N, C-alpha and C. Protein backbone atom coordinates (compact mmCIF):
# COMPACT_ATOMS: atom_id res chain seq x y z
N MET A 1 0.61 -1.24 0.02
CA MET A 1 -0.11 0.18 0.14
C MET A 1 0.64 1.32 -0.16
N ASP A 2 0.41 2.16 -0.54
CA ASP A 2 1.23 3.38 -1.08
C ASP A 2 0.46 4.45 -0.29
N LYS A 3 1.22 4.90 0.94
CA LYS A 3 0.62 5.94 1.98
C LYS A 3 1.13 7.31 1.25
N GLU A 4 -0.04 8.11 1.17
CA GLU A 4 0.63 9.46 0.66
C GLU A 4 0.55 10.70 1.72
N LYS A 5 1.83 11.50 2.34
CA LYS A 5 1.46 11.97 3.25
C LYS A 5 1.00 13.32 2.55
N LYS A 6 -0.59 13.60 3.25
CA LYS A 6 -1.05 14.68 2.61
C LYS A 6 -0.58 15.91 4.03
N SER A 7 -0.04 17.30 3.15
CA SER A 7 -0.16 18.33 4.07
C SER A 7 -1.07 19.09 4.62
N PRO A 8 -0.60 19.49 6.18
CA PRO A 8 -1.72 20.02 6.73
C PRO A 8 -2.39 21.58 6.02
N LEU A 9 -3.31 21.81 6.40
CA LEU A 9 -4.54 22.80 5.98
C LEU A 9 -4.11 24.10 6.20
N ALA A 10 -3.22 24.71 6.10
CA ALA A 10 -2.47 26.01 6.69
C ALA A 10 -3.88 27.14 6.56
N VAL A 11 -4.65 28.13 7.78
CA VAL A 11 -5.48 29.15 7.72
C VAL A 11 -4.68 29.90 8.66
N TYR A 12 -5.37 31.41 8.76
CA TYR A 12 -4.78 32.40 9.58
C TYR A 12 -6.11 32.91 10.12
N GLY A 13 -5.60 33.49 11.26
CA GLY A 13 -7.09 33.96 12.25
C GLY A 13 -6.09 34.68 13.34
N VAL A 14 -6.78 34.96 14.40
CA VAL A 14 -6.28 36.01 15.44
C VAL A 14 -6.42 35.20 16.80
N VAL A 15 -5.75 35.26 17.78
CA VAL A 15 -5.62 34.74 18.93
C VAL A 15 -6.54 35.63 19.69
N THR A 16 -7.73 34.70 20.42
CA THR A 16 -8.60 36.03 21.21
C THR A 16 -8.03 35.27 22.70
N GLU A 17 -7.98 34.45 23.07
CA GLU A 17 -7.56 33.89 23.94
C GLU A 17 -6.37 33.26 24.51
N ALA A 18 -5.45 33.32 26.07
CA ALA A 18 -4.63 32.43 26.48
C ALA A 18 -4.59 31.85 27.49
N LEU A 19 -4.73 30.68 27.28
CA LEU A 19 -4.90 29.37 28.28
C LEU A 19 -3.67 29.02 28.52
N PRO A 20 -3.32 28.49 29.97
CA PRO A 20 -2.36 27.52 30.11
C PRO A 20 -1.87 26.63 29.49
N ASN A 21 -0.54 26.31 29.15
CA ASN A 21 0.45 25.23 28.54
C ASN A 21 0.13 25.33 27.36
N THR A 22 0.00 26.91 26.82
CA THR A 22 0.91 27.40 25.11
C THR A 22 -0.46 27.10 24.69
N LEU A 23 -1.58 26.85 25.20
CA LEU A 23 -2.48 26.50 24.48
C LEU A 23 -3.05 27.76 24.24
N PHE A 24 -3.87 27.99 23.03
CA PHE A 24 -4.96 29.22 22.62
C PHE A 24 -6.05 28.94 21.87
N LYS A 25 -6.89 30.12 21.89
CA LYS A 25 -8.07 29.97 21.37
C LYS A 25 -7.80 31.18 20.45
N VAL A 26 -7.78 30.50 18.71
CA VAL A 26 -7.82 31.22 17.60
C VAL A 26 -9.30 31.46 16.77
N LYS A 27 -9.60 32.70 16.56
CA LYS A 27 -10.97 32.85 15.56
C LYS A 27 -10.45 32.78 14.38
N LEU A 28 -11.00 31.94 13.37
CA LEU A 28 -10.18 31.71 11.86
C LEU A 28 -10.84 32.81 10.85
N ASP A 29 -9.90 33.60 10.09
CA ASP A 29 -10.86 34.28 9.29
C ASP A 29 -11.70 33.54 8.45
N GLY A 30 -12.55 34.53 7.77
CA GLY A 30 -13.76 34.02 6.77
C GLY A 30 -14.52 33.06 7.84
N ALA A 31 -14.52 32.88 8.62
CA ALA A 31 -15.25 31.69 10.10
C ALA A 31 -15.73 32.25 10.86
N GLU A 32 -16.77 31.65 11.49
CA GLU A 32 -17.47 32.11 12.75
C GLU A 32 -16.77 31.29 13.87
N ALA A 33 -15.67 30.13 13.31
CA ALA A 33 -15.67 29.11 14.47
C ALA A 33 -13.94 29.56 15.26
N GLU A 34 -14.45 29.09 16.37
CA GLU A 34 -13.09 29.43 17.17
C GLU A 34 -12.42 28.20 17.71
N ILE A 35 -10.93 27.82 17.00
CA ILE A 35 -10.86 26.79 17.56
C ILE A 35 -9.60 26.59 18.85
N LEU A 36 -9.03 25.71 19.33
CA LEU A 36 -8.31 25.78 20.06
C LEU A 36 -6.88 25.45 19.17
N ALA A 37 -5.79 25.84 19.47
CA ALA A 37 -4.44 25.73 19.09
C ALA A 37 -3.47 25.47 20.16
N TYR A 38 -2.40 25.25 19.94
CA TYR A 38 -1.34 24.93 20.61
C TYR A 38 0.11 25.06 19.88
N LEU A 39 0.90 25.53 20.34
CA LEU A 39 2.22 26.03 19.92
C LEU A 39 2.74 25.17 19.32
N GLY A 40 3.60 25.26 17.65
CA GLY A 40 4.17 24.19 17.51
C GLY A 40 5.57 24.20 17.95
N GLY A 41 6.27 23.35 17.60
CA GLY A 41 7.54 22.64 18.19
C GLY A 41 8.59 23.99 18.35
N ARG A 42 8.83 24.34 16.79
CA ARG A 42 9.68 25.21 16.91
C ARG A 42 9.85 26.70 17.28
N MET A 43 8.32 26.85 17.63
CA MET A 43 7.74 28.30 18.31
C MET A 43 7.93 28.29 19.69
N ARG A 44 8.12 26.88 20.13
CA ARG A 44 8.54 26.51 21.53
C ARG A 44 9.71 26.74 21.87
N LEU A 45 10.47 26.27 20.51
CA LEU A 45 12.09 26.10 20.69
C LEU A 45 12.65 27.39 21.21
N ASN A 46 12.04 28.10 19.98
CA ASN A 46 12.86 29.38 19.78
C ASN A 46 12.08 30.59 21.07
N ARG A 47 11.44 30.10 22.05
CA ARG A 47 10.57 31.11 22.99
C ARG A 47 9.80 31.91 22.09
N ILE A 48 9.28 31.87 20.90
CA ILE A 48 8.37 33.18 20.33
C ILE A 48 7.04 33.00 21.08
N ARG A 49 6.81 34.15 21.41
CA ARG A 49 5.82 34.84 22.74
C ARG A 49 4.72 35.20 21.39
N VAL A 50 3.37 34.66 22.02
CA VAL A 50 2.26 34.85 20.93
C VAL A 50 1.30 35.41 22.01
N LEU A 51 0.72 36.56 21.85
CA LEU A 51 -0.45 37.85 22.64
C LEU A 51 -1.48 37.75 22.32
N ILE A 52 -2.44 38.11 22.98
CA ILE A 52 -3.96 38.13 22.51
C ILE A 52 -3.58 39.25 21.50
N GLY A 53 -4.50 38.82 20.17
CA GLY A 53 -4.40 39.80 19.25
C GLY A 53 -3.77 39.47 18.23
N ASP A 54 -2.57 38.97 18.40
CA ASP A 54 -1.71 38.18 17.22
C ASP A 54 -2.65 37.88 16.14
N ARG A 55 -1.80 37.98 15.08
CA ARG A 55 -2.25 37.21 13.77
C ARG A 55 -1.51 36.08 13.79
N VAL A 56 -1.89 34.79 13.45
CA VAL A 56 -1.17 33.62 13.39
C VAL A 56 -1.74 32.86 12.44
N GLN A 57 -0.74 31.87 11.84
CA GLN A 57 -0.74 30.65 10.66
C GLN A 57 -1.24 29.54 11.84
N VAL A 58 -2.37 28.78 11.01
CA VAL A 58 -2.44 28.13 12.08
C VAL A 58 -2.49 26.31 10.74
N GLU A 59 -1.64 25.19 11.50
CA GLU A 59 -2.33 23.99 10.72
C GLU A 59 -3.43 23.27 11.41
N LEU A 60 -4.36 23.11 10.29
CA LEU A 60 -5.65 22.45 11.04
C LEU A 60 -4.72 20.78 11.18
N ASP A 61 -5.29 20.05 12.15
CA ASP A 61 -5.48 18.82 12.04
C ASP A 61 -6.48 17.99 11.36
N PRO A 62 -5.90 16.96 10.52
CA PRO A 62 -7.16 16.44 9.41
C PRO A 62 -8.18 15.99 10.20
N TYR A 63 -8.33 15.77 11.40
CA TYR A 63 -9.33 14.55 12.31
C TYR A 63 -10.11 15.86 12.84
N GLY A 64 -10.21 17.19 12.26
CA GLY A 64 -10.40 18.32 13.33
C GLY A 64 -9.84 18.32 14.93
N GLY A 65 -10.87 18.99 15.43
CA GLY A 65 -10.47 19.61 16.90
C GLY A 65 -9.28 20.44 16.84
N ARG A 66 -8.12 20.18 16.93
CA ARG A 66 -7.21 21.20 17.46
C ARG A 66 -6.28 21.82 16.15
N GLY A 67 -5.62 22.72 16.14
CA GLY A 67 -5.08 23.04 15.39
C GLY A 67 -3.34 23.33 15.95
N ARG A 68 -2.36 23.78 15.09
CA ARG A 68 -1.25 24.23 15.42
C ARG A 68 -0.61 25.44 14.96
N ILE A 69 0.20 26.28 15.98
CA ILE A 69 0.24 27.30 15.52
C ILE A 69 1.75 26.95 15.11
N VAL A 70 2.19 27.59 13.63
CA VAL A 70 3.10 27.56 13.17
C VAL A 70 4.06 28.96 12.79
N LYS A 71 3.10 29.73 13.04
CA LYS A 71 4.02 31.26 12.47
C LYS A 71 3.04 32.34 13.22
N ARG A 72 4.00 33.33 13.79
CA ARG A 72 3.06 34.47 14.39
C ARG A 72 3.44 35.69 13.24
N LEU A 73 2.63 36.44 12.56
CA LEU A 73 2.63 37.47 11.87
C LEU A 73 2.64 38.53 11.90
């Protein structure tokens, strides 16, 4: 069986709430939805700070639920 690795869907949004353990609520652009997102590994490694009101790029989990913040814009 040939498994194809699908690239995650990247969307943009604004951080609306900061939660413990580097979790954030992000309101996605062009949608009423607000998702729960966590900081990606490189953002943690380089200690990039994310504050309320920051625009971020989020990679969505293909199964729904959470997203991973990969870039602060």
